[in-house]
């Protein structure tokens, strides 16, 4: 539990629930926006699950590299959460992201095999299940061991890079911060790179049929709120604004950079919404079968 004596003007409920010092309304707004962004990310996958079951063409609508890049980014986010000894809510949320990505990837492989008449969906789903359990259990074991060796933090934040102590001045990166910064940078690159194949897939098909726009709309909303929550958060005691931004730069670049690419995908939804050859080509066989019957 948090110690309010170290945060005399802080909110009691924030300290008790999140073990984080919220000195003013700016900090509280940052926490609320962060929680809403988590809800947006958590709900983003469900519209695509529904769209996949409804249309049955997820293997043609989504790029496999988009899914793999998203999964890689979330896996690094999970690893960084363990290495940086983050709050339980963050760790559980990161685990949920990985599980949701694996379910979406399993659906992709299922419809890929179904539409091509290949019967290997069961081994694929089994492999993903063992991969998930093995990844989560291994990282959990390593993360607990690393957490016991780490020095205690004054206040634990929501980012992978938490400030140790309250020493004034421009603080150099510690070893754990360098690891966290590197993981965050690679994760941001994967998030950014995952959008490019999906943009190309939509452009090549001249269609967005089978892709749920709600998926990208919720992700855009989540990234916007997450970026605002990071920017609203007051720096740690003795930490300057520039130092704070530098320590959170990979996650800001990842969230705001992905937001710009998702706007490109949103434009494709408007361009290919109706009357495009790609959409008709996917609907013609279904209409033909109905007429013949």
Protein backbone atom coordinates (compact mmCIF):
# COMPACT_ATOMS: atom_id res chain seq x y z
CA UNK A 1 0.00 0.00 0.00
CA UNK A 2 1.09 3.56 -0.68
CA UNK A 3 2.39 5.89 2.02
CA UNK A 4 0.59 9.24 2.03
CA UNK A 5 3.31 10.75 4.22
CA UNK A 6 5.51 10.76 1.09
CA UNK A 7 2.69 12.40 -0.90
CA UNK A 8 1.11 14.88 1.54
CA UNK A 9 -1.17 16.60 -0.99
CA UNK A 10 -2.02 13.47 -2.94
CA UNK A 11 -5.34 11.75 -3.49
CA UNK A 12 -5.93 8.96 -0.99
CA UNK A 13 -7.94 6.69 -3.33
CA UNK A 14 -5.33 6.97 -6.09
CA UNK A 15 -2.57 6.07 -3.65
CA UNK A 16 -4.54 3.12 -2.23
CA UNK A 17 -5.61 1.71 -5.60
CA UNK A 18 -2.63 2.49 -7.86
CA UNK A 19 0.16 3.22 -5.36
CA UNK A 20 0.78 6.43 -7.29
CA UNK A 21 1.07 10.02 -6.11
CA UNK A 22 -1.59 12.28 -7.64
CA UNK A 23 -0.83 15.77 -6.38
CA UNK A 24 -3.41 17.74 -8.34
CA UNK A 25 -6.22 17.55 -10.88
CA UNK A 26 -3.66 17.18 -13.68
CA UNK A 27 -2.39 13.91 -12.22
CA UNK A 28 -5.93 12.63 -11.57
CA UNK A 29 -6.96 13.47 -15.15
CA UNK A 30 -3.89 11.60 -16.39
CA UNK A 31 -4.89 8.49 -14.44
CA UNK A 32 -8.54 8.63 -15.60
CA UNK A 33 -7.51 9.05 -19.25
CA UNK A 34 -5.07 6.17 -18.87
CA UNK A 35 -7.81 3.89 -17.50
CA UNK A 36 -10.18 4.83 -20.33
CA UNK A 37 -7.43 4.12 -22.88
CA UNK A 38 -6.94 0.66 -21.36
CA UNK A 39 -10.67 0.02 -21.77
CA UNK A 40 -10.51 1.09 -25.43
CA UNK A 41 -7.58 -1.21 -26.16
CA UNK A 42 -9.25 -4.10 -24.29
CA UNK A 43 -12.48 -3.77 -26.31
CA UNK A 44 -10.83 -3.14 -29.68
CA UNK A 45 -10.51 -6.81 -30.68
CA UNK A 46 -14.17 -7.79 -30.19
CA UNK A 47 -15.55 -6.00 -33.29
CA UNK A 48 -12.97 -7.79 -35.45
CA UNK A 49 -13.87 -11.13 -33.88
CA UNK A 50 -17.51 -10.51 -34.80
CA UNK A 51 -16.60 -9.36 -38.31
CA UNK A 52 -14.46 -12.45 -38.86
CA UNK A 53 -17.26 -14.81 -37.85
CA UNK A 54 -19.79 -12.86 -39.92
CA UNK A 55 -17.83 -12.53 -43.17
CA UNK A 56 -15.56 -15.58 -43.01
CA UNK A 57 -12.82 -13.86 -45.05
CA UNK A 58 -10.44 -12.70 -42.34
CA UNK A 59 -7.50 -14.34 -44.13
CA UNK A 60 -8.05 -12.05 -47.13
CA UNK A 61 -9.05 -8.93 -45.22
CA UNK A 62 -6.16 -8.70 -42.74
CA UNK A 63 -2.44 -8.89 -43.40
CA UNK A 64 -0.61 -11.63 -41.50
CA UNK A 65 2.30 -9.21 -41.02
CA UNK A 66 -0.09 -6.73 -39.41
CA UNK A 67 -1.15 -9.37 -36.88
CA UNK A 68 2.41 -10.59 -36.25
CA UNK A 69 3.70 -7.05 -35.77
CA UNK A 70 0.91 -6.27 -33.32
CA UNK A 71 1.59 -9.49 -31.41
CA UNK A 72 5.32 -8.74 -31.28
CA UNK A 73 4.70 -5.25 -29.91
CA UNK A 74 2.36 -6.55 -27.21
CA UNK A 75 4.80 -9.32 -26.26
CA UNK A 76 7.58 -6.78 -25.74
CA UNK A 77 5.17 -4.62 -23.77
CA UNK A 78 4.46 -7.62 -21.52
CA UNK A 79 8.16 -8.38 -21.07
CA UNK A 80 8.88 -4.75 -20.24
CA UNK A 81 6.07 -4.70 -17.68
CA UNK A 82 7.68 -7.60 -15.84
CA UNK A 83 11.22 -6.25 -16.09
CA UNK A 84 10.18 -2.83 -14.77
CA UNK A 85 8.07 -4.31 -11.95
CA UNK A 86 4.91 -2.54 -13.04
CA UNK A 87 1.59 -2.43 -11.24
CA UNK A 88 -0.53 -5.62 -11.29
CA UNK A 89 -3.23 -3.88 -13.36
CA UNK A 90 -0.67 -3.09 -16.06
CA UNK A 91 0.70 -6.64 -16.09
CA UNK A 92 -2.76 -8.22 -16.29
CA UNK A 93 -3.71 -5.82 -19.08
CA UNK A 94 -0.54 -6.66 -21.01
CA UNK A 95 -1.31 -10.39 -20.64
CA UNK A 96 -4.83 -9.77 -21.95
CA UNK A 97 -3.44 -7.94 -25.00
CA UNK A 98 -1.21 -10.91 -25.86
CA UNK A 99 -4.07 -13.39 -25.42
CA UNK A 100 -6.38 -11.27 -27.61
CA UNK A 101 -3.69 -11.09 -30.31
CA UNK A 102 -3.26 -14.87 -30.22
CA UNK A 103 -7.02 -15.38 -30.55
CA UNK A 104 -7.11 -13.05 -33.57
CA UNK A 105 -4.12 -14.82 -35.11
CA UNK A 106 -5.81 -18.18 -34.49
CA UNK A 107 -8.94 -16.95 -36.27
CA UNK A 108 -6.80 -15.82 -39.19
CA UNK A 109 -5.19 -19.27 -39.47
CA UNK A 110 -8.56 -20.98 -39.04
CA UNK A 111 -10.17 -19.12 -41.95
CA UNK A 112 -6.99 -19.47 -44.00
CA UNK A 113 -7.19 -23.24 -43.62
CA UNK A 114 -10.97 -23.37 -44.02
CA UNK A 115 -11.07 -21.31 -47.21
CA UNK A 116 -8.25 -23.38 -48.73
CA UNK A 117 -9.62 -26.71 -47.52
CA UNK A 118 -6.54 -27.57 -45.42
CA UNK A 119 -7.19 -29.44 -42.18
CA UNK A 120 -4.47 -28.15 -39.88
CA UNK A 121 -6.43 -25.69 -37.74
CA UNK A 122 -6.33 -27.87 -34.61
CA UNK A 123 -2.51 -28.15 -34.50
CA UNK A 124 -2.21 -24.39 -35.08
CA UNK A 125 -4.57 -23.54 -32.22
CA UNK A 126 -2.82 -26.03 -29.95
CA UNK A 127 0.55 -24.51 -30.77
CA UNK A 128 -0.73 -21.01 -29.98
CA UNK A 129 -2.14 -22.24 -26.66
CA UNK A 130 1.18 -23.76 -25.58
CA UNK A 131 3.03 -20.66 -26.81
CA UNK A 132 0.80 -18.42 -24.73
CA UNK A 133 1.07 -20.48 -21.55
CA UNK A 134 4.81 -20.90 -21.94
CA UNK A 135 5.43 -17.21 -22.60
CA UNK A 136 3.31 -15.99 -19.69
CA UNK A 137 4.65 -18.52 -17.17
CA UNK A 138 8.32 -18.03 -18.15
CA UNK A 139 8.16 -14.24 -18.06
CA UNK A 140 6.23 -14.35 -14.79
CA UNK A 141 8.92 -16.50 -13.18
CA UNK A 142 11.74 -14.29 -14.44
CA UNK A 143 9.86 -11.12 -13.57
CA UNK A 144 9.34 -12.12 -9.94
CA UNK A 145 13.02 -12.90 -9.56
CA UNK A 146 14.00 -9.55 -11.06
CA UNK A 147 11.48 -7.68 -8.92
CA UNK A 148 13.01 -9.02 -5.70
CA UNK A 149 16.43 -7.70 -6.73
CA UNK A 150 15.25 -4.23 -7.65
CA UNK A 151 15.52 -1.34 -5.23
CA UNK A 152 12.15 0.03 -4.08
CA UNK A 153 10.54 2.85 -6.01
CA UNK A 154 9.26 6.00 -4.37
CA UNK A 155 6.15 6.00 -6.57
CA UNK A 156 5.31 3.45 -9.22
CA UNK A 157 4.00 4.96 -12.44
CA UNK A 158 2.16 3.51 -15.41
CA UNK A 159 5.12 3.68 -17.78
CA UNK A 160 7.89 1.15 -18.24
CA UNK A 161 10.43 3.72 -17.08
CA UNK A 162 9.88 4.65 -13.43
CA UNK A 163 12.07 7.22 -11.72
CA UNK A 164 14.15 5.93 -8.82
CA UNK A 165 14.32 8.13 -5.79
CA UNK A 166 13.78 11.90 -5.81
CA UNK A 167 17.19 13.30 -6.68
CA UNK A 168 17.06 16.64 -8.49
CA UNK A 169 18.65 17.30 -11.84
CA UNK A 170 18.92 15.53 -15.19
CA UNK A 171 19.18 11.86 -14.25
CA UNK A 172 21.23 9.39 -16.28
CA UNK A 173 19.62 6.15 -17.40
CA UNK A 174 20.12 3.19 -15.08
CA UNK A 175 20.67 -0.32 -16.43
CA UNK A 176 17.03 -1.28 -15.97
CA UNK A 177 15.92 1.97 -17.63
CA UNK A 178 18.19 1.30 -20.61
CA UNK A 179 16.66 -2.18 -20.99
CA UNK A 180 13.16 -0.75 -20.66
CA UNK A 181 13.94 2.06 -23.13
CA UNK A 182 15.30 -0.43 -25.65
CA UNK A 183 12.30 -2.74 -25.29
CA UNK A 184 9.93 0.20 -25.62
CA UNK A 185 11.71 1.43 -28.74
CA UNK A 186 11.56 -1.97 -30.45
CA UNK A 187 7.92 -2.33 -29.42
CA UNK A 188 7.10 1.06 -30.96
CA UNK A 189 8.84 0.09 -34.21
CA UNK A 190 6.78 -3.12 -34.38
CA UNK A 191 3.55 -1.21 -33.74
CA UNK A 192 4.41 1.27 -36.48
CA UNK A 193 5.61 -1.39 -38.92
CA UNK A 194 2.48 -3.50 -38.46
CA UNK A 195 0.27 -0.86 -40.09
CA UNK A 196 2.20 -0.68 -43.36
CA UNK A 197 1.29 -4.24 -44.56
CA UNK A 198 -2.38 -3.62 -43.72
CA UNK A 199 -2.37 -0.34 -45.64
CA UNK A 200 -0.83 -2.17 -48.62
CA UNK A 201 -3.36 -5.02 -48.34
CA UNK A 202 -6.28 -2.58 -48.40
CA UNK A 203 -4.75 -0.74 -51.35
CA UNK A 204 -4.10 -3.96 -53.27
CA UNK A 205 -7.66 -5.22 -52.73
CA UNK A 206 -9.18 -1.76 -53.21
CA UNK A 207 -11.50 -2.85 -50.45
CA UNK A 208 -11.84 -2.99 -46.67
CA UNK A 209 -14.48 -5.73 -46.66
CA UNK A 210 -13.89 -8.07 -43.72
CA UNK A 211 -12.01 -5.46 -41.70
CA UNK A 212 -13.84 -3.89 -38.78
CA UNK A 213 -13.41 -0.13 -38.62
CA UNK A 214 -14.37 -0.25 -34.93
CA UNK A 215 -11.06 -2.03 -34.31
CA UNK A 216 -9.05 0.91 -35.61
CA UNK A 217 -11.44 3.52 -34.19
CA UNK A 218 -11.05 2.14 -30.66
CA UNK A 219 -7.28 1.84 -31.08
CA UNK A 220 -7.07 5.44 -32.30
CA UNK A 221 -9.13 6.61 -29.34
CA UNK A 222 -7.00 4.55 -26.96
CA UNK A 223 -3.73 5.89 -28.40
CA UNK A 224 -4.99 9.48 -28.23
CA UNK A 225 -6.05 9.13 -24.60
CA UNK A 226 -2.84 7.30 -23.71
CA UNK A 227 -0.70 10.05 -25.24
CA UNK A 228 -2.68 12.70 -23.38
CA UNK A 229 -2.38 10.79 -20.10
CA UNK A 230 1.42 10.63 -20.44
CA UNK A 231 1.69 14.31 -21.35
CA UNK A 232 -0.62 15.40 -18.51
CA UNK A 233 1.26 13.48 -15.85
CA UNK A 234 3.44 15.67 -13.63
CA UNK A 235 7.13 14.70 -13.60
CA UNK A 236 8.57 12.99 -10.55
CA UNK A 237 9.97 15.28 -7.82
CA UNK A 238 13.22 16.78 -9.03
CA UNK A 239 12.63 15.70 -12.63
CA UNK A 240 12.34 18.29 -15.39
CA UNK A 241 9.77 18.28 -18.19
CA UNK A 242 12.44 17.53 -20.81
CA UNK A 243 13.81 14.59 -18.82
CA UNK A 244 10.29 13.24 -18.32
CA UNK A 245 9.50 13.43 -22.06
CA UNK A 246 12.81 11.75 -22.93
CA UNK A 247 12.14 8.81 -20.60
CA UNK A 248 8.70 8.30 -22.16
CA UNK A 249 9.67 9.08 -25.75
CA UNK A 250 9.37 5.52 -27.19
CA UNK A 251 5.82 5.14 -25.93
CA UNK A 252 4.80 8.60 -27.10
CA UNK A 253 6.25 7.94 -30.56
CA UNK A 254 4.55 4.54 -30.65
CA UNK A 255 1.10 5.81 -29.65
CA UNK A 256 1.06 9.04 -31.66
CA UNK A 257 2.89 7.52 -34.65
CA UNK A 258 0.43 4.62 -34.85
CA UNK A 259 -2.39 7.16 -34.60
CA UNK A 260 -1.18 8.88 -37.78
CA UNK A 261 -1.01 5.58 -39.70
CA UNK A 262 -4.46 4.56 -38.46
CA UNK A 263 -5.75 7.82 -39.92
CA UNK A 264 -4.45 6.60 -43.30
CA UNK A 265 -6.41 3.36 -42.83
CA UNK A 266 -9.48 5.44 -41.90
CA UNK A 267 -9.11 7.30 -45.20
CA UNK A 268 -9.03 3.95 -46.99
CA UNK A 269 -12.33 3.00 -45.34
CA UNK A 270 -13.85 6.18 -46.79
CA UNK A 271 -12.38 5.62 -50.26
CA UNK A 272 -13.31 1.95 -50.52
CA UNK A 273 -16.60 2.16 -48.63
CA UNK A 274 -18.92 1.42 -51.55
CA UNK A 275 -18.90 1.12 -55.27
CA UNK A 276 -15.35 -0.19 -55.49
CA UNK A 277 -14.38 -3.19 -57.62
CA UNK A 278 -12.78 -4.98 -54.67
CA UNK A 279 -15.99 -5.07 -52.69
CA UNK A 280 -18.06 -6.30 -55.63
CA UNK A 281 -15.55 -9.01 -56.46
CA UNK A 282 -15.92 -10.53 -53.02
CA UNK A 283 -19.73 -10.33 -53.08
CA UNK A 284 -20.32 -11.67 -56.62
CA UNK A 285 -19.72 -15.37 -55.81
CA UNK A 286 -22.15 -15.19 -52.89
CA UNK A 287 -24.83 -13.57 -55.03
CA UNK A 288 -24.24 -16.09 -57.80
CA UNK A 289 -24.70 -19.04 -55.51
CA UNK A 290 -27.91 -17.55 -54.17
CA UNK A 291 -29.28 -17.08 -57.70
CA UNK A 292 -28.42 -20.62 -58.72
CA UNK A 293 -30.08 -22.09 -55.68
